[in-house]
Amino acid sequence: MNDVLQQTLEQHRLKHLARFSPDQIAILVQATQLGEEALARALLPLAQQKARVPVSDFTVGAIAIGGSGHWYLGANMEIAGQPLSSALHAEQSAIGHAALFDERYIEKVIVSATPCGHCRQFMLELDQDSLMLVLPQENFMLSELLPHAFGPADLNQSYGMLNGPAGNLVAAGNPQVDTHDALMFAALDEANASYAPYSKNRAGVALLLSDGQLCLGRYLENVAFNPSLGPMQLALSQLFLRGYQPKDIKRAFIAEAAAKVQQADAAEQLLASISSITLEKAQF
């Protein structure tokens, strides 16, 4: 990261952000005299600093540029003692971050290392006509890196990860829940905003932190199944991107639809590996 960028981030108190607004990006562009793509590459070390990699010691940073003009940082996350399938890739982290702010379109994904096949398949679920990947040395369209792809249309899916309809799960009449519990409603909102066209298992997680803030996660499914992103993975990614630690979690809630696939057990196991907080659960 060059000195001018470093100084500008510190001067404008942007160094600890994980999401940049168009106005903040304009400040950085003006100060550094970098084009937006060069600026995004220069910000990747900031994303990499947010990685949690006790297994690989290999940090990856990513930035998803949303159609709204906001930039969303992402970083890879590994949980010691858990299977490698619990790991979250930086590209998933950045796109999931954008999803939480209801972005409908991703223009580019800037990444510090060439995306693996897992991430390419995950990004295919955006179901966009074009998606540019900005790598350290050159740019590619996703279609160039994933030819002859198996995508949503192969399972008759007509919309993508960020532009599907909302769910209709409701708390009213559910004996499992306290209808005055704001944390439950936050998790339920994420479940209704989730993307689960193949399993119908809408699911959302809400983590209440010691300072009253929330870290949220929603299930983002994939046509190839395995690259699907669990709601607890996304919520924990938000925890680390925003500079919190597991000790800051005071309550955790998962809300999900009854379906052949379930998220609660995996979410509970993942949370238990880093926190003693009990995961509260409800099906709708």
C-alpha atoms as a PDB file:
ATOM      1  CA  MET A   1       0.000   0.000   0.000  1.00  0.00           C
ATOM      2  CA  ASN A   2       1.587   3.288  -1.059  1.00  0.00           C
ATOM      3  CA  ASP A   3       2.325   6.062   1.449  1.00  0.00           C
ATOM      4  CA  VAL A   4      -0.229   8.535   0.068  1.00  0.00           C
ATOM      5  CA  LEU A   5      -3.014   5.967   0.278  1.00  0.00           C
ATOM      6  CA  GLN A   6      -1.971   4.994   3.789  1.00  0.00           C
ATOM      7  CA  GLN A   7      -1.949   8.626   4.921  1.00  0.00           C
ATOM      8  CA  THR A   8      -5.319   9.360   3.311  1.00  0.00           C
ATOM      9  CA  LEU A   9      -6.929   6.344   4.946  1.00  0.00           C
ATOM     10  CA  GLU A  10      -5.642   7.473   8.340  1.00  0.00           C
ATOM     11  CA  GLN A  11      -6.516  11.146   7.793  1.00  0.00           C
ATOM     12  CA  HIS A  12     -10.124  10.370   6.891  1.00  0.00           C
ATOM     13  CA  ARG A  13     -10.477   7.530   9.426  1.00  0.00           C
ATOM     14  CA  LEU A  14     -11.066   4.969   6.708  1.00  0.00           C
ATOM     15  CA  LYS A  15      -8.345   2.487   7.641  1.00  0.00           C
ATOM     16  CA  HIS A  16     -10.608   0.154   9.599  1.00  0.00           C
ATOM     17  CA  LEU A  17     -13.558   0.165   7.201  1.00  0.00           C
ATOM     18  CA  ALA A  18     -14.703  -2.939   5.367  1.00  0.00           C
ATOM     19  CA  ARG A  19     -17.144  -1.079   3.086  1.00  0.00           C
ATOM     20  CA  PHE A  20     -16.417   2.086   1.126  1.00  0.00           C
ATOM     21  CA  SER A  21     -19.050   4.498  -0.169  1.00  0.00           C
ATOM     22  CA  PRO A  22     -18.763   6.238  -3.565  1.00  0.00           C
ATOM     23  CA  ASP A  23     -17.847   9.496  -1.771  1.00  0.00           C
ATOM     24  CA  GLN A  24     -15.072   7.798   0.182  1.00  0.00           C
ATOM     25  CA  ILE A  25     -13.736   6.186  -2.988  1.00  0.00           C
ATOM     26  CA  ALA A  26     -13.724   9.605  -4.696  1.00  0.00           C
ATOM     27  CA  ILE A  27     -11.620  11.002  -1.815  1.00  0.00           C
ATOM     28  CA  LEU A  28      -9.091   8.183  -2.241  1.00  0.00           C
ATOM     29  CA  VAL A  29      -8.968   8.539  -6.022  1.00  0.00           C
ATOM     30  CA  GLN A  30      -8.352  12.282  -5.765  1.00  0.00           C
ATOM     31  CA  ALA A  31      -5.675  11.936  -3.105  1.00  0.00           C
ATOM     32  CA  THR A  32      -3.751   9.110  -4.754  1.00  0.00           C
ATOM     33  CA  GLN A  33      -4.338  10.050  -8.410  1.00  0.00           C
ATOM     34  CA  LEU A  34      -4.941   6.368  -9.066  1.00  0.00           C
ATOM     35  CA  GLY A  35      -7.625   5.065 -11.354  1.00  0.00           C
ATOM     36  CA  GLU A  36     -10.369   3.085  -9.618  1.00  0.00           C
ATOM     37  CA  GLU A  37      -8.989  -0.283 -10.695  1.00  0.00           C
ATOM     38  CA  ALA A  38      -5.467   0.595  -9.536  1.00  0.00           C
ATOM     39  CA  LEU A  39      -6.901   1.932  -6.283  1.00  0.00           C
ATOM     40  CA  ALA A  40      -8.807  -1.299  -5.706  1.00  0.00           C
ATOM     41  CA  ARG A  41      -5.639  -3.322  -6.216  1.00  0.00           C
ATOM     42  CA  ALA A  42      -3.821  -1.002  -3.802  1.00  0.00           C
ATOM     43  CA  LEU A  43      -6.523  -1.574  -1.160  1.00  0.00           C
ATOM     44  CA  LEU A  44      -6.193  -5.359  -1.277  1.00  0.00           C
ATOM     45  CA  PRO A  45      -3.600  -5.444   1.550  1.00  0.00           C
ATOM     46  CA  LEU A  46      -6.234  -3.780   3.757  1.00  0.00           C
ATOM     47  CA  ALA A  47      -8.571  -6.677   2.996  1.00  0.00           C
ATOM     48  CA  GLN A  48      -5.809  -9.244   3.514  1.00  0.00           C
ATOM     49  CA  GLN A  49      -5.132  -7.846   6.997  1.00  0.00           C
ATOM     50  CA  LYS A  50      -8.637  -8.968   7.943  1.00  0.00           C
ATOM     51  CA  ALA A  51      -8.002 -12.605   6.978  1.00  0.00           C
ATOM     52  CA  ARG A  52      -8.036 -15.348   9.619  1.00  0.00           C
ATOM     53  CA  VAL A  53      -5.813 -18.206   8.442  1.00  0.00           C
ATOM     54  CA  PRO A  54      -4.617 -20.497  11.287  1.00  0.00           C
ATOM     55  CA  VAL A  55      -4.387 -23.481   8.923  1.00  0.00           C
ATOM     56  CA  SER A  56      -2.817 -22.202   5.705  1.00  0.00           C
ATOM     57  CA  ASP A  57      -1.069 -18.979   6.799  1.00  0.00           C
ATOM     58  CA  PHE A  58      -2.024 -17.754   3.299  1.00  0.00           C
ATOM     59  CA  THR A  59      -3.997 -14.526   3.316  1.00  0.00           C
ATOM     60  CA  VAL A  60      -6.284 -13.582   0.442  1.00  0.00           C
ATOM     61  CA  GLY A  61      -8.118 -10.306   0.043  1.00  0.00           C
ATOM     62  CA  ALA A  62     -10.946  -9.445  -2.325  1.00  0.00           C
ATOM     63  CA  ILE A  63     -13.110  -6.454  -3.156  1.00  0.00           C
ATOM     64  CA  ALA A  64     -16.553  -6.730  -4.736  1.00  0.00           C
ATOM     65  CA  ILE A  65     -17.604  -3.585  -6.597  1.00  0.00           C
ATOM     66  CA  GLY A  66     -21.367  -3.325  -6.402  1.00  0.00           C
ATOM     67  CA  GLY A  67     -23.713  -1.781  -8.921  1.00  0.00           C
ATOM     68  CA  SER A  68     -24.512   0.904  -6.326  1.00  0.00           C
ATOM     69  CA  GLY A  69     -20.900   2.096  -6.442  1.00  0.00           C
ATOM     70  CA  HIS A  70     -20.017   0.751  -2.993  1.00  0.00           C
ATOM     71  CA  TRP A  71     -16.922  -1.400  -2.524  1.00  0.00           C
ATOM     72  CA  TYR A  72     -17.085  -4.427  -0.214  1.00  0.00           C
ATOM     73  CA  LEU A  73     -13.978  -5.994   1.280  1.00  0.00           C
ATOM     74  CA  GLY A  74     -13.650  -9.712   1.818  1.00  0.00           C
ATOM     75  CA  ALA A  75     -10.964 -11.964   3.298  1.00  0.00           C
ATOM     76  CA  ASN A  76     -10.463 -15.679   3.663  1.00  0.00           C
ATOM     77  CA  MET A  77     -11.379 -17.256   6.977  1.00  0.00           C
ATOM     78  CA  GLU A  78     -10.302 -20.585   8.448  1.00  0.00           C
ATOM     79  CA  ILE A  79     -11.404 -22.088  11.756  1.00  0.00           C
ATOM     80  CA  ALA A  80      -8.834 -24.197  13.595  1.00  0.00           C
ATOM     81  CA  GLY A  81     -10.067 -27.675  14.460  1.00  0.00           C
ATOM     82  CA  GLN A  82     -12.851 -27.604  11.869  1.00  0.00           C
ATOM     83  CA  PRO A  83     -12.963 -29.407   8.503  1.00  0.00           C
ATOM     84  CA  LEU A  84     -11.593 -27.471   5.547  1.00  0.00           C
ATOM     85  CA  SER A  85     -15.139 -27.301   4.205  1.00  0.00           C
ATOM     86  CA  SER A  86     -15.862 -24.749   6.935  1.00  0.00           C
ATOM     87  CA  ALA A  87     -13.339 -22.322   5.430  1.00  0.00           C
ATOM     88  CA  LEU A  88     -14.595 -19.200   3.680  1.00  0.00           C
ATOM     89  CA  HIS A  89     -12.847 -17.904   0.577  1.00  0.00           C
ATOM     90  CA  ALA A  90     -12.155 -14.182   0.118  1.00  0.00           C
ATOM     91  CA  GLU A  91     -14.332 -13.927  -2.997  1.00  0.00           C
ATOM     92  CA  GLN A  92     -17.243 -15.508  -1.128  1.00  0.00           C
ATOM     93  CA  SER A  93     -16.642 -13.143   1.776  1.00  0.00           C
ATOM     94  CA  ALA A  94     -16.717 -10.048  -0.460  1.00  0.00           C
ATOM     95  CA  ILE A  95     -19.789 -11.102  -2.453  1.00  0.00           C
ATOM     96  CA  GLY A  96     -21.599 -12.228   0.700  1.00  0.00           C
ATOM     97  CA  HIS A  97     -20.741  -8.836   2.221  1.00  0.00           C
ATOM     98  CA  ALA A  98     -22.345  -7.128  -0.776  1.00  0.00           C
ATOM     99  CA  ALA A  99     -25.402  -9.382  -0.491  1.00  0.00           C
ATOM    100  CA  LEU A 100     -25.950  -8.253   3.101  1.00  0.00           C
ATOM    101  CA  PHE A 101     -26.362  -4.704   1.802  1.00  0.00           C
ATOM    102  CA  ASP A 102     -28.817  -5.929  -0.834  1.00  0.00           C
ATOM    103  CA  GLU A 103     -26.620  -5.259  -3.843  1.00  0.00           C
ATOM    104  CA  ARG A 104     -28.316  -6.593  -6.968  1.00  0.00           C
ATOM    105  CA  TYR A 105     -25.309  -6.639  -9.284  1.00  0.00           C
ATOM    106  CA  ILE A 106     -21.534  -7.050  -8.983  1.00  0.00           C
ATOM    107  CA  GLU A 107     -19.511  -5.183 -11.589  1.00  0.00           C
ATOM    108  CA  LYS A 108     -16.044  -6.506 -10.728  1.00  0.00           C
ATOM    109  CA  VAL A 109     -14.272  -8.675  -8.205  1.00  0.00           C
ATOM    110  CA  ILE A 110     -10.706  -7.645  -7.429  1.00  0.00           C
ATOM    111  CA  VAL A 111      -8.660 -10.376  -5.803  1.00  0.00           C
ATOM    112  CA  SER A 112      -5.086 -10.757  -4.550  1.00  0.00           C
ATOM    113  CA  ALA A 113      -4.650 -14.282  -5.932  1.00  0.00           C
ATOM    114  CA  THR A 114      -6.118 -16.205  -8.843  1.00  0.00           C
ATOM    115  CA  PRO A 115      -9.563 -17.558  -7.853  1.00  0.00           C
ATOM    116  CA  CYS A 116      -9.754 -21.297  -7.300  1.00  0.00           C
ATOM    117  CA  GLY A 117     -12.377 -23.446  -9.029  1.00  0.00           C
ATOM    118  CA  HIS A 118     -14.567 -23.358  -5.914  1.00  0.00           C
ATOM    119  CA  CYS A 119     -14.754 -19.560  -6.076  1.00  0.00           C
ATOM    120  CA  ARG A 120     -15.306 -19.487  -9.817  1.00  0.00           C
ATOM    121  CA  GLN A 121     -18.283 -21.791  -9.369  1.00  0.00           C
ATOM    122  CA  PHE A 122     -19.596 -19.658  -6.496  1.00  0.00           C
ATOM    123  CA  MET A 123     -19.367 -16.485  -8.594  1.00  0.00           C
ATOM    124  CA  LEU A 124     -21.173 -18.189 -11.472  1.00  0.00           C
ATOM    125  CA  GLU A 125     -24.278 -18.221  -9.255  1.00  0.00           C
ATOM    126  CA  LEU A 126     -24.516 -14.459  -9.708  1.00  0.00           C
ATOM    127  CA  ASP A 127     -25.960 -15.424 -13.102  1.00  0.00           C
ATOM    128  CA  GLN A 128     -24.735 -12.244 -14.759  1.00  0.00           C
ATOM    129  CA  ASP A 129     -24.057 -11.782 -18.445  1.00  0.00           C
ATOM    130  CA  SER A 130     -20.601 -10.523 -17.548  1.00  0.00           C
ATOM    131  CA  LEU A 131     -18.392 -10.416 -14.485  1.00  0.00           C
ATOM    132  CA  MET A 132     -14.850  -9.079 -14.642  1.00  0.00           C
ATOM    133  CA  LEU A 133     -12.189 -10.530 -12.378  1.00  0.00           C
ATOM    134  CA  VAL A 134      -9.293  -8.189 -11.705  1.00  0.00           C
ATOM    135  CA  LEU A 135      -6.234 -10.250 -10.798  1.00  0.00           C
ATOM    136  CA  PRO A 136      -2.780  -9.032  -9.703  1.00  0.00           C
ATOM    137  CA  GLN A 137      -1.372  -8.939 -13.230  1.00  0.00           C
ATOM    138  CA  GLU A 138      -4.300  -9.097 -15.665  1.00  0.00           C
ATOM    139  CA  ASN A 139      -8.067  -9.114 -16.021  1.00  0.00           C
ATOM    140  CA  PHE A 140     -10.406 -11.868 -17.184  1.00  0.00           C
ATOM    141  CA  MET A 141     -14.113 -12.316 -17.641  1.00  0.00           C
ATOM    142  CA  LEU A 142     -15.471 -15.118 -15.482  1.00  0.00           C
ATOM    143  CA  SER A 143     -16.632 -16.925 -18.630  1.00  0.00           C
ATOM    144  CA  GLU A 144     -12.988 -17.101 -19.757  1.00  0.00           C
ATOM    145  CA  LEU A 145     -11.920 -18.795 -16.521  1.00  0.00           C
ATOM    146  CA  LEU A 146     -14.911 -21.127 -16.327  1.00  0.00           C
ATOM    147  CA  PRO A 147     -15.791 -22.325 -19.844  1.00  0.00           C
ATOM    148  CA  HIS A 148     -18.502 -24.936 -20.443  1.00  0.00           C
ATOM    149  CA  ALA A 149     -19.834 -24.138 -16.980  1.00  0.00           C
ATOM    150  CA  PHE A 150     -22.614 -25.876 -15.061  1.00  0.00           C
ATOM    151  CA  GLY A 151     -24.830 -23.000 -13.984  1.00  0.00           C
ATOM    152  CA  PRO A 152     -28.247 -22.163 -12.549  1.00  0.00           C
ATOM    153  CA  ALA A 153     -30.000 -22.663 -15.876  1.00  0.00           C
ATOM    154  CA  ASP A 154     -28.958 -26.328 -15.840  1.00  0.00           C
ATOM    155  CA  LEU A 155     -31.331 -26.819 -12.897  1.00  0.00           C
ATOM    156  CA  ASN A 156     -33.989 -24.591 -14.460  1.00  0.00           C
ATOM    157  CA  GLN A 157     -33.149 -21.705 -12.153  1.00  0.00           C
ATOM    158  CA  SER A 158     -34.225 -18.384 -13.685  1.00  0.00           C
ATOM    159  CA  TYR A 159     -32.560 -15.814 -11.384  1.00  0.00           C
ATOM    160  CA  GLY A 160     -29.251 -15.341  -9.644  1.00  0.00           C
ATOM    161  CA  MET A 161     -27.906 -15.094  -6.135  1.00  0.00           C
ATOM    162  CA  LEU A 162     -28.509 -11.367  -5.669  1.00  0.00           C
ATOM    163  CA  ASN A 163     -31.787 -10.803  -7.476  1.00  0.00           C
ATOM    164  CA  GLY A 164     -34.199 -13.469  -6.334  1.00  0.00           C
ATOM    165  CA  PRO A 165     -37.549 -12.964  -4.606  1.00  0.00           C
ATOM    166  CA  ALA A 166     -37.800 -12.558  -0.851  1.00  0.00           C
ATOM    167  CA  GLY A 167     -39.062 -15.370   1.338  1.00  0.00           C
ATOM    168  CA  ASN A 168     -42.286 -15.389   3.314  1.00  0.00           C
ATOM    169  CA  LEU A 169     -41.242 -16.940   6.637  1.00  0.00           C
ATOM    170  CA  VAL A 170     -43.168 -15.375   9.540  1.00  0.00           C
ATOM    171  CA  ALA A 171     -42.883 -15.517  13.322  1.00  0.00           C
ATOM    172  CA  ALA A 172     -46.588 -15.152  14.070  1.00  0.00           C
ATOM    173  CA  GLY A 173     -48.025 -18.350  15.482  1.00  0.00           C
ATOM    174  CA  ASN A 174     -44.632 -20.042  15.910  1.00  0.00           C
ATOM    175  CA  PRO A 175     -44.422 -21.509  19.453  1.00  0.00           C
ATOM    176  CA  GLN A 176     -40.609 -21.771  19.225  1.00  0.00           C
ATOM    177  CA  VAL A 177     -40.007 -18.035  19.306  1.00  0.00           C
ATOM    178  CA  ASP A 178     -40.490 -14.964  21.448  1.00  0.00           C
ATOM    179  CA  THR A 179     -42.197 -12.470  19.166  1.00  0.00           C
ATOM    180  CA  HIS A 180     -40.644  -9.620  21.162  1.00  0.00           C
ATOM    181  CA  ASP A 181     -37.075 -10.826  20.462  1.00  0.00           C
ATOM    182  CA  ALA A 182     -35.344  -8.363  18.131  1.00  0.00           C
ATOM    183  CA  LEU A 183     -32.440 -10.760  17.532  1.00  0.00           C
ATOM    184  CA  MET A 184     -34.808 -13.466  16.319  1.00  0.00           C
ATOM    185  CA  PHE A 185     -36.394 -11.013  13.888  1.00  0.00           C
ATOM    186  CA  ALA A 186     -32.959  -9.976  12.597  1.00  0.00           C
ATOM    187  CA  ALA A 187     -32.141 -13.632  11.868  1.00  0.00           C
ATOM    188  CA  LEU A 188     -35.576 -14.138  10.310  1.00  0.00           C
ATOM    189  CA  ASP A 189     -35.069 -11.121   8.041  1.00  0.00           C
ATOM    190  CA  GLU A 190     -31.796 -12.635   6.837  1.00  0.00           C
ATOM    191  CA  ALA A 191     -33.507 -15.969   6.232  1.00  0.00           C
ATOM    192  CA  ASN A 192     -36.116 -14.246   4.078  1.00  0.00           C
ATOM    193  CA  ALA A 193     -33.339 -12.457   2.180  1.00  0.00           C
ATOM    194  CA  SER A 194     -31.356 -15.663   1.652  1.00  0.00           C
ATOM    195  CA  TYR A 195     -30.957 -17.553  -1.617  1.00  0.00           C
ATOM    196  CA  ALA A 196     -31.923 -21.226  -1.488  1.00  0.00           C
ATOM    197  CA  PRO A 197     -33.650 -22.149  -4.757  1.00  0.00           C
ATOM    198  CA  TYR A 198     -32.408 -25.742  -4.821  1.00  0.00           C
ATOM    199  CA  SER A 199     -33.043 -26.903  -1.240  1.00  0.00           C
ATOM    200  CA  LYS A 200     -35.698 -24.331  -0.188  1.00  0.00           C
ATOM    201  CA  ASN A 201     -33.797 -24.057   3.111  1.00  0.00           C
ATOM    202  CA  ARG A 202     -33.870 -20.316   3.659  1.00  0.00           C
ATOM    203  CA  ALA A 203     -31.666 -19.543   6.642  1.00  0.00           C
ATOM    204  CA  GLY A 204     -30.257 -16.533   8.458  1.00  0.00           C
ATOM    205  CA  VAL A 205     -27.998 -15.866  11.437  1.00  0.00           C
ATOM    206  CA  ALA A 206     -27.800 -12.857  13.750  1.00  0.00           C
ATOM    207  CA  LEU A 207     -24.976 -12.338  16.257  1.00  0.00           C
ATOM    208  CA  LEU A 208     -25.490  -9.766  19.022  1.00  0.00           C
ATOM    209  CA  LEU A 209     -22.207  -8.189  20.114  1.00  0.00           C
ATOM    210  CA  SER A 210     -21.203  -6.697  23.443  1.00  0.00           C
ATOM    211  CA  ASP A 211     -21.516  -3.127  22.116  1.00  0.00           C
ATOM    212  CA  GLY A 212     -25.052  -3.744  20.834  1.00  0.00           C
ATOM    213  CA  GLN A 213     -24.039  -4.108  17.184  1.00  0.00           C
ATOM    214  CA  LEU A 214     -25.178  -7.036  15.032  1.00  0.00           C
ATOM    215  CA  CYS A 215     -23.233  -9.248  12.664  1.00  0.00           C
ATOM    216  CA  LEU A 216     -25.542 -10.907  10.167  1.00  0.00           C
ATOM    217  CA  GLY A 217     -25.320 -13.821   7.768  1.00  0.00           C
ATOM    218  CA  ARG A 218     -27.619 -15.378   5.196  1.00  0.00           C
ATOM    219  CA  TYR A 219     -27.499 -18.655   3.316  1.00  0.00           C
ATOM    220  CA  LEU A 220     -26.293 -18.305  -0.302  1.00  0.00           C
ATOM    221  CA  GLU A 221     -26.775 -21.542  -2.210  1.00  0.00           C
ATOM    222  CA  ASN A 222     -24.958 -22.846  -5.295  1.00  0.00           C
ATOM    223  CA  VAL A 223     -26.113 -24.993  -8.172  1.00  0.00           C
ATOM    224  CA  ALA A 224     -23.077 -27.241  -7.600  1.00  0.00           C
ATOM    225  CA  PHE A 225     -24.100 -27.547  -3.904  1.00  0.00           C
ATOM    226  CA  ASN A 226     -20.618 -27.679  -2.300  1.00  0.00           C
ATOM    227  CA  PRO A 227     -19.671 -24.011  -2.872  1.00  0.00           C
ATOM    228  CA  SER A 228     -22.826 -22.922  -1.013  1.00  0.00           C
ATOM    229  CA  LEU A 229     -22.115 -20.352   1.712  1.00  0.00           C
ATOM    230  CA  GLY A 230     -23.614 -21.071   5.137  1.00  0.00           C
ATOM    231  CA  PRO A 231     -25.182 -18.256   7.175  1.00  0.00           C
ATOM    232  CA  MET A 232     -22.853 -18.738  10.149  1.00  0.00           C
ATOM    233  CA  GLN A 233     -19.797 -18.608   7.886  1.00  0.00           C
ATOM    234  CA  LEU A 234     -20.953 -15.277   6.526  1.00  0.00           C
ATOM    235  CA  ALA A 235     -21.830 -13.891   9.967  1.00  0.00           C
ATOM    236  CA  LEU A 236     -18.396 -14.840  11.343  1.00  0.00           C
ATOM    237  CA  SER A 237     -16.742 -13.342   8.280  1.00  0.00           C
ATOM    238  CA  GLN A 238     -18.527 -10.079   9.108  1.00  0.00           C
ATOM    239  CA  LEU A 239     -17.311 -10.353  12.694  1.00  0.00           C
ATOM    240  CA  PHE A 240     -13.669 -10.447  11.634  1.00  0.00           C
ATOM    241  CA  LEU A 241     -14.004  -7.955   8.753  1.00  0.00           C
ATOM    242  CA  ARG A 242     -15.376  -5.397  11.199  1.00  0.00           C
ATOM    243  CA  GLY A 243     -12.555  -5.928  13.693  1.00  0.00           C
ATOM    244  CA  TYR A 244     -14.442  -7.889  16.364  1.00  0.00           C
ATOM    245  CA  GLN A 245     -13.387 -11.098  18.082  1.00  0.00           C
ATOM    246  CA  PRO A 246     -15.359 -14.184  19.208  1.00  0.00           C
ATOM    247  CA  LYS A 247     -15.313 -12.917  22.793  1.00  0.00           C
ATOM    248  CA  ASP A 248     -17.505 -10.027  21.632  1.00  0.00           C
ATOM    249  CA  ILE A 249     -20.430 -12.344  20.798  1.00  0.00           C
ATOM    250  CA  LYS A 250     -23.132 -12.224  23.484  1.00  0.00           C
ATOM    251  CA  ARG A 251     -26.020 -13.996  21.744  1.00  0.00           C
ATOM    252  CA  ALA A 252     -26.435 -15.952  18.520  1.00  0.00           C
ATOM    253  CA  PHE A 253     -29.648 -16.928  16.729  1.00  0.00           C
ATOM    254  CA  ILE A 254     -30.354 -18.963  13.604  1.00  0.00           C
ATOM    255  CA  ALA A 255     -33.718 -18.936  11.841  1.00  0.00           C
ATOM    256  CA  GLU A 256     -34.392 -21.369   9.017  1.00  0.00           C
ATOM    257  CA  ALA A 257     -37.089 -22.990   6.971  1.00  0.00           C
ATOM    258  CA  ALA A 258     -37.953 -26.644   7.466  1.00  0.00           C
ATOM    259  CA  ALA A 259     -36.437 -28.472   4.480  1.00  0.00           C
ATOM    260  CA  LYS A 260     -34.473 -31.585   3.505  1.00  0.00           C
ATOM    261  CA  VAL A 261     -31.293 -29.576   4.107  1.00  0.00           C
ATOM    262  CA  GLN A 262     -30.669 -27.897   7.472  1.00  0.00           C
ATOM    263  CA  GLN A 263     -28.093 -25.315   8.609  1.00  0.00           C
ATOM    264  CA  ALA A 264     -28.457 -25.316  12.399  1.00  0.00           C
ATOM    265  CA  ASP A 265     -26.158 -28.241  13.261  1.00  0.00           C
ATOM    266  CA  ALA A 266     -23.291 -26.999  11.101  1.00  0.00           C
ATOM    267  CA  ALA A 267     -23.778 -23.451  12.378  1.00  0.00           C
ATOM    268  CA  GLU A 268     -23.781 -24.671  15.988  1.00  0.00           C
ATOM    269  CA  GLN A 269     -20.588 -26.677  15.477  1.00  0.00           C
ATOM    270  CA  LEU A 270     -18.837 -23.738  13.832  1.00  0.00           C
ATOM    271  CA  LEU A 271     -19.855 -21.297  16.556  1.00  0.00           C
ATOM    272  CA  ALA A 272     -18.896 -23.752  19.321  1.00  0.00           C
ATOM    273  CA  SER A 273     -15.371 -24.003  17.913  1.00  0.00           C
ATOM    274  CA  ILE A 274     -14.705 -20.329  18.703  1.00  0.00           C
ATOM    275  CA  SER A 275     -17.240 -19.342  21.395  1.00  0.00           C
ATOM    276  CA  SER A 276     -19.031 -20.765  24.428  1.00  0.00           C
ATOM    277  CA  ILE A 277     -22.239 -18.906  23.489  1.00  0.00           C
ATOM    278  CA  THR A 278     -25.224 -21.209  22.903  1.00  0.00           C
ATOM    279  CA  LEU A 279     -26.796 -20.952  19.465  1.00  0.00           C
ATOM    280  CA  GLU A 280     -30.525 -20.249  19.766  1.00  0.00           C
ATOM    281  CA  LYS A 281     -32.591 -21.847  16.984  1.00  0.00           C
ATOM    282  CA  ALA A 282     -36.011 -21.762  15.421  1.00  0.00           C
ATOM    283  CA  GLN A 283     -37.622 -23.314  12.350  1.00  0.00           C
ATOM    284  CA  PHE A 284     -40.341 -21.586  10.395  1.00  0.00           C
END
